Amino acid sequence: MTPELLEQALHVAPFHQWLGVSLRESGPDGITIAMPWREEMISNPALPAMHGGVLAALIDLTGFYTVLAAGHVCTSTADIHVDYHRPASRESLTARGIIVRIGKRLSVAEVRVSGETGKLLASGRGAYAMKG
């Protein structure tokens, strides 16, 4: 899949549009997706920290599109695991996805989410059901 087609596919989902995600890099070795900070993403106003569900969604969609960028077609998320390392607070995020395994029924991608300073904020691994 070309970077242009991948970017178009990324923006089909209204939720992805709301998140404001954009494709920064793509290739068979992995992809990079950027997401801007939005005040409506705060779950803890005292910090203010981004809601963990938003970080999980970024990890999930980055893993899914990592499989697509590698030239494979997946249909849905079969499983996802997320680790939160530190709060995401008032900064744009970058998610880097790499392929762990491409299979006939399930493929696996690993994702690392960093803030503007490069510090690791969250990481995760998703398993994606393959079209078959």
N, C-alpha and C. Protein backbone atom coordinates (compact mmCIF):
# COMPACT_ATOMS: atom_id res chain seq x y z
N MET A 1 0.85 -1.19 0.00
CA MET A 1 0.00 0.00 0.00
C MET A 1 0.89 1.24 0.00
N THR A 2 0.60 2.17 -0.88
CA THR A 2 1.40 3.40 -0.95
C THR A 2 1.11 4.28 0.27
N PRO A 3 2.04 5.15 0.61
CA PRO A 3 1.79 6.07 1.73
C PRO A 3 0.54 6.93 1.52
N GLU A 4 0.27 7.31 0.28
CA GLU A 4 -0.91 8.13 -0.01
C GLU A 4 -2.20 7.36 0.27
N LEU A 5 -2.26 6.10 -0.18
CA LEU A 5 -3.45 5.28 0.07
C LEU A 5 -3.60 4.96 1.55
N LEU A 6 -2.49 4.75 2.23
CA LEU A 6 -2.52 4.48 3.66
C LEU A 6 -3.05 5.70 4.42
N GLU A 7 -2.61 6.88 4.04
CA GLU A 7 -3.09 8.12 4.67
C GLU A 7 -4.59 8.29 4.42
N GLN A 8 -5.04 8.01 3.21
CA GLN A 8 -6.48 8.10 2.90
C GLN A 8 -7.27 7.11 3.76
N ALA A 9 -6.79 5.88 3.86
CA ALA A 9 -7.48 4.86 4.66
C ALA A 9 -7.52 5.26 6.12
N LEU A 10 -6.45 5.87 6.61
CA LEU A 10 -6.38 6.30 8.00
C LEU A 10 -7.46 7.33 8.33
N HIS A 11 -7.82 8.15 7.35
CA HIS A 11 -8.79 9.22 7.59
C HIS A 11 -10.23 8.85 7.24
N VAL A 12 -10.49 7.61 6.87
CA VAL A 12 -11.86 7.18 6.58
C VAL A 12 -12.69 7.15 7.86
N ALA A 13 -12.12 6.67 8.95
CA ALA A 13 -12.85 6.53 10.22
C ALA A 13 -13.05 7.90 10.89
N PRO A 14 -14.29 8.26 11.22
CA PRO A 14 -14.54 9.53 11.92
C PRO A 14 -13.76 9.65 13.23
N PHE A 15 -13.57 8.55 13.95
CA PHE A 15 -12.82 8.60 15.20
C PHE A 15 -11.37 9.00 14.95
N HIS A 16 -10.77 8.47 13.89
CA HIS A 16 -9.39 8.83 13.54
C HIS A 16 -9.32 10.31 13.17
N GLN A 17 -10.35 10.80 12.48
CA GLN A 17 -10.40 12.22 12.14
C GLN A 17 -10.45 13.06 13.41
N TRP A 18 -11.28 12.64 14.38
CA TRP A 18 -11.39 13.37 15.65
C TRP A 18 -10.07 13.37 16.41
N LEU A 19 -9.37 12.23 16.37
CA LEU A 19 -8.07 12.15 17.03
C LEU A 19 -7.05 13.07 16.37
N GLY A 20 -7.23 13.34 15.08
CA GLY A 20 -6.30 14.22 14.36
C GLY A 20 -5.03 13.52 13.93
N VAL A 21 -5.07 12.19 13.82
CA VAL A 21 -3.87 11.43 13.47
C VAL A 21 -3.44 11.70 12.03
N SER A 22 -2.13 11.61 11.82
CA SER A 22 -1.58 11.77 10.47
C SER A 22 -0.38 10.84 10.31
N LEU A 23 -0.21 10.36 9.12
CA LEU A 23 0.89 9.45 8.79
C LEU A 23 2.16 10.26 8.57
N ARG A 24 3.22 9.90 9.27
CA ARG A 24 4.51 10.59 9.11
C ARG A 24 5.47 9.78 8.24
N GLU A 25 5.49 8.46 8.43
CA GLU A 25 6.36 7.57 7.66
C GLU A 25 5.65 6.24 7.48
N SER A 26 5.94 5.56 6.37
CA SER A 26 5.42 4.21 6.22
C SER A 26 6.33 3.41 5.31
N GLY A 27 6.37 2.12 5.57
CA GLY A 27 7.16 1.21 4.77
C GLY A 27 7.00 -0.19 5.30
N PRO A 28 7.64 -1.15 4.65
CA PRO A 28 7.50 -2.54 5.08
C PRO A 28 8.09 -2.81 6.47
N ASP A 29 8.97 -1.94 6.95
CA ASP A 29 9.58 -2.13 8.27
C ASP A 29 8.78 -1.50 9.40
N GLY A 30 7.81 -0.66 9.05
CA GLY A 30 7.00 -0.04 10.09
C GLY A 30 6.46 1.31 9.66
N ILE A 31 5.68 1.91 10.55
CA ILE A 31 5.10 3.22 10.28
C ILE A 31 5.24 4.12 11.50
N THR A 32 5.07 5.41 11.24
CA THR A 32 5.03 6.40 12.30
C THR A 32 3.78 7.24 12.10
N ILE A 33 2.98 7.36 13.16
CA ILE A 33 1.76 8.15 13.14
C ILE A 33 1.86 9.23 14.22
N ALA A 34 1.47 10.44 13.88
CA ALA A 34 1.48 11.56 14.83
C ALA A 34 0.06 11.87 15.27
N MET A 35 -0.07 12.33 16.51
CA MET A 35 -1.37 12.73 17.04
C MET A 35 -1.19 13.98 17.90
N PRO A 36 -1.92 15.05 17.61
CA PRO A 36 -1.79 16.27 18.41
C PRO A 36 -2.51 16.15 19.75
N TRP A 37 -2.09 16.96 20.69
CA TRP A 37 -2.77 17.06 21.99
C TRP A 37 -4.09 17.78 21.80
N ARG A 38 -5.11 17.32 22.53
CA ARG A 38 -6.41 17.99 22.55
C ARG A 38 -6.89 18.02 23.98
N GLU A 39 -7.38 19.15 24.42
CA GLU A 39 -7.84 19.30 25.80
C GLU A 39 -8.96 18.31 26.14
N GLU A 40 -9.80 17.95 25.16
CA GLU A 40 -10.90 17.02 25.43
C GLU A 40 -10.41 15.61 25.72
N MET A 41 -9.13 15.34 25.56
CA MET A 41 -8.58 14.01 25.82
C MET A 41 -8.16 13.83 27.28
N ILE A 42 -8.30 14.87 28.09
CA ILE A 42 -7.88 14.82 29.50
C ILE A 42 -8.84 13.95 30.31
N SER A 43 -8.25 13.07 31.12
CA SER A 43 -9.07 12.31 32.07
C SER A 43 -8.79 12.75 33.50
N ASN A 44 -7.61 13.30 33.75
CA ASN A 44 -7.26 13.76 35.08
C ASN A 44 -6.84 15.22 34.99
N PRO A 45 -7.77 16.16 35.25
CA PRO A 45 -7.46 17.58 35.12
C PRO A 45 -6.38 18.06 36.09
N ALA A 46 -6.16 17.34 37.18
CA ALA A 46 -5.14 17.76 38.15
C ALA A 46 -3.73 17.66 37.58
N LEU A 47 -3.49 16.77 36.62
CA LEU A 47 -2.13 16.61 36.08
C LEU A 47 -1.83 17.59 34.93
N PRO A 48 -2.50 17.85 33.94
CA PRO A 48 -3.59 17.12 33.27
C PRO A 48 -3.02 15.98 32.44
N ALA A 49 -3.62 14.82 32.54
CA ALA A 49 -3.13 13.64 31.84
C ALA A 49 -4.16 13.17 30.82
N MET A 50 -3.65 12.69 29.70
CA MET A 50 -4.50 12.14 28.66
C MET A 50 -5.15 10.85 29.14
N HIS A 51 -6.38 10.62 28.74
CA HIS A 51 -7.10 9.39 29.07
C HIS A 51 -6.36 8.19 28.49
N GLY A 52 -6.22 7.14 29.28
CA GLY A 52 -5.54 5.94 28.82
C GLY A 52 -6.20 5.28 27.62
N GLY A 53 -7.50 5.45 27.49
CA GLY A 53 -8.21 4.89 26.35
C GLY A 53 -7.79 5.52 25.04
N VAL A 54 -7.45 6.80 25.09
CA VAL A 54 -6.97 7.48 23.88
C VAL A 54 -5.60 6.93 23.49
N LEU A 55 -4.73 6.72 24.48
CA LEU A 55 -3.43 6.12 24.19
C LEU A 55 -3.59 4.70 23.65
N ALA A 56 -4.50 3.94 24.24
CA ALA A 56 -4.75 2.58 23.76
C ALA A 56 -5.27 2.59 22.32
N ALA A 57 -6.15 3.54 22.01
CA ALA A 57 -6.67 3.65 20.65
C ALA A 57 -5.54 3.97 19.67
N LEU A 58 -4.63 4.86 20.06
CA LEU A 58 -3.50 5.21 19.20
C LEU A 58 -2.61 3.99 18.97
N ILE A 59 -2.38 3.22 20.02
CA ILE A 59 -1.58 1.99 19.88
C ILE A 59 -2.29 1.00 18.95
N ASP A 60 -3.58 0.82 19.15
CA ASP A 60 -4.35 -0.11 18.34
C ASP A 60 -4.35 0.28 16.86
N LEU A 61 -4.68 1.52 16.57
CA LEU A 61 -4.76 1.91 15.16
C LEU A 61 -3.39 1.91 14.50
N THR A 62 -2.34 2.25 15.26
CA THR A 62 -0.99 2.22 14.70
C THR A 62 -0.59 0.78 14.37
N GLY A 63 -0.89 -0.17 15.26
CA GLY A 63 -0.59 -1.57 14.98
C GLY A 63 -1.33 -2.07 13.75
N PHE A 64 -2.62 -1.74 13.66
CA PHE A 64 -3.45 -2.15 12.53
C PHE A 64 -2.87 -1.62 11.21
N TYR A 65 -2.53 -0.34 11.18
CA TYR A 65 -2.00 0.26 9.96
C TYR A 65 -0.56 -0.16 9.68
N THR A 66 0.15 -0.62 10.68
CA THR A 66 1.48 -1.18 10.46
C THR A 66 1.38 -2.44 9.61
N VAL A 67 0.39 -3.28 9.92
CA VAL A 67 0.16 -4.50 9.13
C VAL A 67 -0.23 -4.13 7.70
N LEU A 68 -1.12 -3.15 7.54
CA LEU A 68 -1.52 -2.70 6.20
C LEU A 68 -0.32 -2.15 5.42
N ALA A 69 0.51 -1.35 6.08
CA ALA A 69 1.66 -0.75 5.41
C ALA A 69 2.65 -1.81 4.92
N ALA A 70 2.66 -2.95 5.60
CA ALA A 70 3.56 -4.05 5.20
C ALA A 70 2.98 -4.84 4.02
N GLY A 71 1.80 -4.43 3.53
CA GLY A 71 1.23 -5.07 2.35
C GLY A 71 0.28 -6.21 2.64
N HIS A 72 -0.25 -6.27 3.86
CA HIS A 72 -1.16 -7.34 4.24
C HIS A 72 -2.52 -6.73 4.61
N VAL A 73 -3.56 -7.54 4.50
CA VAL A 73 -4.90 -7.04 4.80
C VAL A 73 -5.41 -7.68 6.08
N CYS A 74 -5.66 -6.84 7.08
CA CYS A 74 -6.27 -7.33 8.32
C CYS A 74 -7.68 -6.74 8.41
N THR A 75 -8.52 -7.41 9.17
CA THR A 75 -9.92 -7.01 9.23
C THR A 75 -10.35 -6.43 10.57
N SER A 76 -9.69 -6.86 11.65
CA SER A 76 -10.09 -6.38 12.98
C SER A 76 -9.00 -6.68 13.99
N THR A 77 -9.14 -6.08 15.15
CA THR A 77 -8.23 -6.35 16.26
C THR A 77 -8.72 -7.58 17.00
N ALA A 78 -7.84 -8.56 17.17
CA ALA A 78 -8.18 -9.78 17.91
C ALA A 78 -7.77 -9.67 19.38
N ASP A 79 -6.70 -8.93 19.65
CA ASP A 79 -6.21 -8.79 21.03
C ASP A 79 -5.29 -7.58 21.07
N ILE A 80 -5.25 -6.94 22.22
CA ILE A 80 -4.35 -5.80 22.41
C ILE A 80 -3.88 -5.77 23.85
N HIS A 81 -2.62 -5.41 24.03
CA HIS A 81 -2.04 -5.25 25.37
C HIS A 81 -1.37 -3.89 25.39
N VAL A 82 -1.64 -3.12 26.44
CA VAL A 82 -1.08 -1.77 26.55
C VAL A 82 -0.38 -1.63 27.90
N ASP A 83 0.80 -1.04 27.88
CA ASP A 83 1.53 -0.67 29.10
C ASP A 83 1.67 0.85 29.13
N TYR A 84 1.31 1.44 30.26
CA TYR A 84 1.42 2.88 30.44
C TYR A 84 2.66 3.15 31.28
N HIS A 85 3.58 3.96 30.75
CA HIS A 85 4.87 4.19 31.42
C HIS A 85 4.93 5.51 32.18
N ARG A 86 4.28 6.54 31.62
CA ARG A 86 4.20 7.85 32.29
C ARG A 86 3.05 8.62 31.67
N PRO A 87 2.53 9.62 32.38
CA PRO A 87 1.38 10.37 31.85
C PRO A 87 1.74 11.15 30.57
N ALA A 88 0.79 11.19 29.66
CA ALA A 88 0.90 12.05 28.48
C ALA A 88 0.19 13.35 28.83
N SER A 89 0.92 14.46 28.80
CA SER A 89 0.33 15.71 29.26
C SER A 89 0.73 16.88 28.36
N ARG A 90 -0.26 17.43 27.70
CA ARG A 90 -0.12 18.64 26.87
C ARG A 90 1.06 18.59 25.90
N GLU A 91 1.13 17.49 25.16
CA GLU A 91 2.15 17.38 24.12
C GLU A 91 1.64 16.48 23.01
N SER A 92 2.10 16.76 21.81
CA SER A 92 1.77 15.90 20.68
C SER A 92 2.48 14.57 20.85
N LEU A 93 1.88 13.53 20.28
CA LEU A 93 2.42 12.18 20.44
C LEU A 93 2.86 11.61 19.09
N THR A 94 3.83 10.71 19.17
CA THR A 94 4.30 9.99 18.00
C THR A 94 4.24 8.51 18.33
N ALA A 95 3.59 7.73 17.46
CA ALA A 95 3.49 6.29 17.64
C ALA A 95 4.27 5.61 16.53
N ARG A 96 5.18 4.73 16.91
CA ARG A 96 6.00 3.99 15.94
C ARG A 96 5.61 2.52 16.01
N GLY A 97 5.14 1.98 14.90
CA GLY A 97 4.73 0.58 14.85
C GLY A 97 5.68 -0.25 14.01
N ILE A 98 5.96 -1.46 14.48
CA ILE A 98 6.79 -2.41 13.72
C ILE A 98 6.09 -3.77 13.72
N ILE A 99 6.35 -4.53 12.68
CA ILE A 99 5.80 -5.87 12.57
C ILE A 99 6.58 -6.83 13.47
N VAL A 100 5.84 -7.63 14.21
CA VAL A 100 6.46 -8.71 14.99
C VAL A 100 6.33 -10.01 14.21
N ARG A 101 5.13 -10.24 13.66
CA ARG A 101 4.89 -11.47 12.91
C ARG A 101 3.70 -11.28 11.97
N ILE A 102 3.85 -11.77 10.76
CA ILE A 102 2.74 -11.82 9.81
C ILE A 102 2.35 -13.29 9.69
N GLY A 103 1.07 -13.57 9.96
CA GLY A 103 0.57 -14.94 9.88
C GLY A 103 -0.62 -15.03 8.95
N LYS A 104 -1.07 -16.25 8.70
CA LYS A 104 -2.22 -16.45 7.83
C LYS A 104 -3.52 -16.02 8.50
N ARG A 105 -3.64 -16.27 9.80
CA ARG A 105 -4.87 -15.91 10.53
C ARG A 105 -4.69 -14.71 11.44
N LEU A 106 -3.53 -14.58 12.06
CA LEU A 106 -3.24 -13.46 12.96
C LEU A 106 -1.87 -12.87 12.63
N SER A 107 -1.80 -11.56 12.70
CA SER A 107 -0.53 -10.86 12.58
C SER A 107 -0.35 -10.00 13.82
N VAL A 108 0.90 -9.76 14.19
CA VAL A 108 1.19 -9.04 15.43
C VAL A 108 2.10 -7.85 15.13
N ALA A 109 1.75 -6.72 15.74
CA ALA A 109 2.56 -5.51 15.62
C ALA A 109 2.82 -4.95 17.01
N GLU A 110 3.97 -4.34 17.15
CA GLU A 110 4.37 -3.71 18.40
C GLU A 110 4.43 -2.20 18.19
N VAL A 111 3.97 -1.43 19.19
CA VAL A 111 3.90 0.03 19.05
C VAL A 111 4.50 0.70 20.29
N ARG A 112 5.24 1.77 20.04
CA ARG A 112 5.80 2.59 21.12
C ARG A 112 5.32 4.03 20.91
N VAL A 113 4.78 4.64 21.95
CA VAL A 113 4.26 6.01 21.88
C VAL A 113 5.18 6.92 22.70
N SER A 114 5.65 7.96 22.04
CA SER A 114 6.54 8.93 22.69
C SER A 114 5.94 10.32 22.62
N GLY A 115 6.37 11.17 23.56
CA GLY A 115 5.97 12.56 23.56
C GLY A 115 6.97 13.39 22.79
N GLU A 116 6.80 14.70 22.85
CA GLU A 116 7.66 15.63 22.11
C GLU A 116 9.11 15.57 22.56
N THR A 117 9.36 15.20 23.80
CA THR A 117 10.73 15.13 24.30
C THR A 117 11.39 13.79 23.96
N GLY A 118 10.62 12.87 23.38
CA GLY A 118 11.16 11.56 23.02
C GLY A 118 11.00 10.52 24.11
N LYS A 119 10.47 10.91 25.28
CA LYS A 119 10.28 9.95 26.37
C LYS A 119 9.16 8.97 26.04
N LEU A 120 9.38 7.71 26.38
CA LEU A 120 8.38 6.68 26.16
C LEU A 120 7.23 6.88 27.13
N LEU A 121 6.01 7.01 26.59
CA LEU A 121 4.82 7.23 27.41
C LEU A 121 3.99 5.96 27.55
N ALA A 122 3.90 5.19 26.47
CA ALA A 122 3.12 3.96 26.47
C ALA A 122 3.66 3.04 25.38
N SER A 123 3.40 1.76 25.55
CA SER A 123 3.78 0.79 24.53
C SER A 123 2.73 -0.31 24.52
N GLY A 124 2.70 -1.06 23.45
CA GLY A 124 1.72 -2.12 23.38
C GLY A 124 1.96 -3.04 22.21
N ARG A 125 1.15 -4.07 22.18
CA ARG A 125 1.24 -5.09 21.15
C ARG A 125 -0.18 -5.48 20.77
N GLY A 126 -0.45 -5.51 19.48
CA GLY A 126 -1.77 -5.90 19.01
C GLY A 126 -1.70 -7.11 18.10
N ALA A 127 -2.71 -7.95 18.18
CA ALA A 127 -2.88 -9.08 17.26
C ALA A 127 -4.07 -8.75 16.38
N TYR A 128 -3.89 -8.91 15.08
CA TYR A 128 -4.90 -8.50 14.11
C TYR A 128 -5.33 -9.68 13.25
N ALA A 129 -6.65 -9.85 13.13
CA ALA A 129 -7.21 -10.93 12.32
C ALA A 129 -6.96 -10.61 10.85
N MET A 130 -6.50 -11.60 10.13
CA MET A 130 -6.17 -11.42 8.72
C MET A 130 -7.34 -11.81 7.83
N LYS A 131 -7.45 -11.12 6.72
CA LYS A 131 -8.48 -11.44 5.74
C LYS A 131 -8.11 -12.77 5.11
N GLY A 132 -9.04 -13.68 5.11
CA GLY A 132 -8.64 -14.95 4.56
C GLY A 132 -9.74 -15.84 4.27
